[in-house]
C-alpha atoms as a PDB file:
ATOM      1  CA  MET A   1       8.098  22.653 -20.627  1.00  0.00           C
ATOM      2  CA  TRP A   2       6.010  19.475 -21.628  1.00  0.00           C
ATOM      3  CA  LEU A   3       4.853  19.123 -17.490  1.00  0.00           C
ATOM      4  CA  THR A   4       3.642  22.272 -17.115  1.00  0.00           C
ATOM      5  CA  SER A   5       1.543  22.650 -20.205  1.00  0.00           C
ATOM      6  CA  PHE A   6       0.395  18.812 -19.655  1.00  0.00           C
ATOM      7  CA  LEU A   7      -0.447  20.068 -16.156  1.00  0.00           C
ATOM      8  CA  ASN A   8      -2.587  23.237 -16.944  1.00  0.00           C
ATOM      9  CA  LYS A   9      -4.327  21.479 -20.020  1.00  0.00           C
ATOM     10  CA  GLY A  10      -3.342  24.394 -22.197  1.00  0.00           C
ATOM     11  CA  LYS A  11      -2.767  27.443 -20.312  1.00  0.00           C
ATOM     12  CA  ILE A  12      -0.068  29.469 -19.399  1.00  0.00           C
ATOM     13  CA  VAL A  13       2.107  29.005 -16.521  1.00  0.00           C
ATOM     14  CA  THR A  14       3.736  32.048 -15.435  1.00  0.00           C
ATOM     15  CA  THR A  15       4.642  31.190 -11.832  1.00  0.00           C
ATOM     16  CA  ALA A  16       6.805  28.000 -10.843  1.00  0.00           C
ATOM     17  CA  THR A  17       7.579  28.077  -6.946  1.00  0.00           C
ATOM     18  CA  LYS A  18      10.795  26.683  -5.319  1.00  0.00           C
ATOM     19  CA  GLY A  19      10.587  26.189  -1.636  1.00  0.00           C
ATOM     20  CA  SER A  20      11.362  23.995   1.326  1.00  0.00           C
ATOM     21  CA  VAL A  21       8.292  21.238   2.418  1.00  0.00           C
ATOM     22  CA  THR A  22       7.620  22.081   6.173  1.00  0.00           C
ATOM     23  CA  SER A  23       4.634  19.485   6.243  1.00  0.00           C
ATOM     24  CA  SER A  24       3.840  16.434   4.331  1.00  0.00           C
ATOM     25  CA  GLN A  25       1.455  13.774   4.957  1.00  0.00           C
ATOM     26  CA  ALA A  26      -0.216  11.362   2.620  1.00  0.00           C
ATOM     27  CA  SER A  27      -0.805  13.212  -0.735  1.00  0.00           C
ATOM     28  CA  ARG A  28      -0.078  16.654   0.467  1.00  0.00           C
ATOM     29  CA  VAL A  29       2.779  18.969   1.645  1.00  0.00           C
ATOM     30  CA  GLN A  30       3.059  22.557   2.832  1.00  0.00           C
ATOM     31  CA  VAL A  31       5.701  24.219   1.190  1.00  0.00           C
ATOM     32  CA  ASP A  32       7.592  27.733   2.252  1.00  0.00           C
ATOM     33  CA  ALA A  33       8.883  29.520  -0.510  1.00  0.00           C
ATOM     34  CA  SER A  34       8.405  33.108  -0.791  1.00  0.00           C
ATOM     35  CA  THR A  35       5.104  32.539   0.250  1.00  0.00           C
ATOM     36  CA  GLN A  36       3.838  30.168   1.953  1.00  0.00           C
ATOM     37  CA  HIS A  37       1.482  27.296   0.473  1.00  0.00           C
ATOM     38  CA  GLY A  38      -0.275  25.115   2.061  1.00  0.00           C
ATOM     39  CA  ASP A  39      -2.497  22.195   1.155  1.00  0.00           C
ATOM     40  CA  VAL A  40      -0.903  21.425  -2.074  1.00  0.00           C
ATOM     41  CA  MET A  41      -1.314  18.158  -3.832  1.00  0.00           C
ATOM     42  CA  VAL A  42       1.762  15.951  -4.824  1.00  0.00           C
ATOM     43  CA  VAL A  43       1.712  14.783  -8.089  1.00  0.00           C
ATOM     44  CA  ALA A  44       3.694  12.113  -9.609  1.00  0.00           C
ATOM     45  CA  PRO A  45       3.987   9.789 -12.922  1.00  0.00           C
ATOM     46  CA  TYR A  46       1.749   6.809 -12.716  1.00  0.00           C
ATOM     47  CA  GLY A  47       2.605   4.150 -10.438  1.00  0.00           C
ATOM     48  CA  ILE A  48       5.213   6.037  -8.336  1.00  0.00           C
ATOM     49  CA  ALA A  49       3.589   7.640  -5.152  1.00  0.00           C
ATOM     50  CA  TYR A  50       5.768   9.541  -2.604  1.00  0.00           C
ATOM     51  CA  VAL A  51       5.713  11.569   0.441  1.00  0.00           C
ATOM     52  CA  PRO A  52       8.268  14.191   0.468  1.00  0.00           C
ATOM     53  CA  PRO A  53      10.286  14.334   3.514  1.00  0.00           C
ATOM     54  CA  VAL A  54      10.172  17.842   5.224  1.00  0.00           C
ATOM     55  CA  GLY A  55      13.141  20.008   4.202  1.00  0.00           C
ATOM     56  CA  GLU A  56      13.447  18.963   0.868  1.00  0.00           C
ATOM     57  CA  GLY A  57      12.932  21.552  -1.906  1.00  0.00           C
ATOM     58  CA  ALA A  58      10.092  21.401  -3.456  1.00  0.00           C
ATOM     59  CA  VAL A  59       8.362  22.591  -6.999  1.00  0.00           C
ATOM     60  CA  VAL A  60       5.109  24.203  -6.819  1.00  0.00           C
ATOM     61  CA  VAL A  61       3.215  25.358 -10.204  1.00  0.00           C
ATOM     62  CA  PRO A  62      -0.352  26.313 -10.363  1.00  0.00           C
ATOM     63  CA  PHE A  63      -3.065  23.336 -11.044  1.00  0.00           C
ATOM     64  CA  ASP A  64      -6.877  23.499 -11.782  1.00  0.00           C
ATOM     65  CA  GLY A  65      -7.693  26.085  -9.548  1.00  0.00           C
ATOM     66  CA  GLY A  66      -4.715  25.198  -7.204  1.00  0.00           C
ATOM     67  CA  GLU A  67      -1.132  24.510  -7.052  1.00  0.00           C
ATOM     68  CA  ALA A  68       0.595  20.645  -7.028  1.00  0.00           C
ATOM     69  CA  CYS A  69       4.094  19.618  -5.758  1.00  0.00           C
ATOM     70  CA  VAL A  70       5.635  18.126  -9.164  1.00  0.00           C
ATOM     71  CA  GLY A  71       8.933  16.824  -7.386  1.00  0.00           C
ATOM     72  CA  VAL A  72      11.611  17.611  -5.292  1.00  0.00           C
ATOM     73  CA  VAL A  73      14.828  18.779  -5.680  1.00  0.00           C
ATOM     74  CA  ALA A  74      16.672  16.020  -4.275  1.00  0.00           C
ATOM     75  CA  ASP A  75      20.474  15.024  -4.673  1.00  0.00           C
ATOM     76  CA  SER A  76      20.681  11.244  -5.759  1.00  0.00           C
ATOM     77  CA  PRO A  77      22.973   9.239  -3.251  1.00  0.00           C
ATOM     78  CA  LEU A  78      24.717   7.663  -6.383  1.00  0.00           C
ATOM     79  CA  LYS A  79      26.048   9.050  -9.617  1.00  0.00           C
ATOM     80  CA  LEU A  80      23.824   7.744 -12.585  1.00  0.00           C
ATOM     81  CA  SER A  81      24.956   7.507 -16.459  1.00  0.00           C
ATOM     82  CA  ARG A  82      22.579   8.972 -18.741  1.00  0.00           C
ATOM     83  CA  GLY A  83      19.593   6.515 -19.287  1.00  0.00           C
ATOM     84  CA  GLU A  84      19.631   5.185 -16.047  1.00  0.00           C
ATOM     85  CA  LEU A  85      17.020   5.272 -13.122  1.00  0.00           C
ATOM     86  CA  LEU A  86      16.974   5.133  -9.604  1.00  0.00           C
ATOM     87  CA  LEU A  87      14.380   4.615  -6.838  1.00  0.00           C
ATOM     88  CA  TYR A  88      15.362   5.114  -3.618  1.00  0.00           C
ATOM     89  CA  SER A  89      13.856   5.971  -0.046  1.00  0.00           C
ATOM     90  CA  GLN A  90      14.983   8.209   2.748  1.00  0.00           C
ATOM     91  CA  GLY A  91      15.783   5.227   4.697  1.00  0.00           C
ATOM     92  CA  GLY A  92      18.625   4.364   2.125  1.00  0.00           C
ATOM     93  CA  ALA A  93      16.652   1.622   0.134  1.00  0.00           C
ATOM     94  CA  SER A  94      17.294   1.522  -3.525  1.00  0.00           C
ATOM     95  CA  ILE A  95      16.694   0.038  -7.030  1.00  0.00           C
ATOM     96  CA  LEU A  96      18.913   0.889  -9.913  1.00  0.00           C
ATOM     97  CA  LEU A  97      18.186   0.096 -13.670  1.00  0.00           C
ATOM     98  CA  LYS A  98      21.432   0.174 -15.331  1.00  0.00           C
ATOM     99  CA  ASN A  99      22.102   0.353 -18.888  1.00  0.00           C
ATOM    100  CA  ASP A 100      23.143  -3.288 -19.058  1.00  0.00           C
ATOM    101  CA  GLY A 101      20.425  -4.396 -18.318  1.00  0.00           C
ATOM    102  CA  SER A 102      21.025  -5.601 -14.742  1.00  0.00           C
ATOM    103  CA  VAL A 103      19.265  -4.552 -11.865  1.00  0.00           C
ATOM    104  CA  LEU A 104      20.727  -3.315  -8.034  1.00  0.00           C
ATOM    105  CA  ILE A 105      18.558  -3.914  -5.056  1.00  0.00           C
ATOM    106  CA  ASN A 106      20.643  -1.888  -2.241  1.00  0.00           C
ATOM    107  CA  GLY A 107      23.681  -2.371  -4.277  1.00  0.00           C
ATOM    108  CA  LYS A 108      22.890  -5.634  -4.861  1.00  0.00           C
ATOM    109  CA  LYS A 109      22.983  -6.929  -8.441  1.00  0.00           C
ATOM    110  CA  VAL A 110      19.954  -9.544  -8.805  1.00  0.00           C
ATOM    111  CA  GLU A 111      20.464 -12.392 -11.339  1.00  0.00           C
ATOM    112  CA  ALA A 112      17.311 -13.221 -13.267  1.00  0.00           C
END
């Protein structure tokens, strides 16, 4: 997987863990899996910042002498077609980039 290769700068990753977020604050989370992972850094693509909600399933990988949460396993509230992108919040706000070039904000089409 390119992400784990990138995060570990060529090191071989032998373990990735899925667990449940039990605490989240700013750019750090705590994840309970088969072992407890505390003070885990949240990693996201450039330009995207998020704080995973408590209870979400998180993926934790080894990173730079510690660990990083590389994402959460969350079901999107809408069915997406291949190539579409959805940004959404726990409170229900959403931005959907459709394959036809249209943009929906909170379900309403935005006209250019």
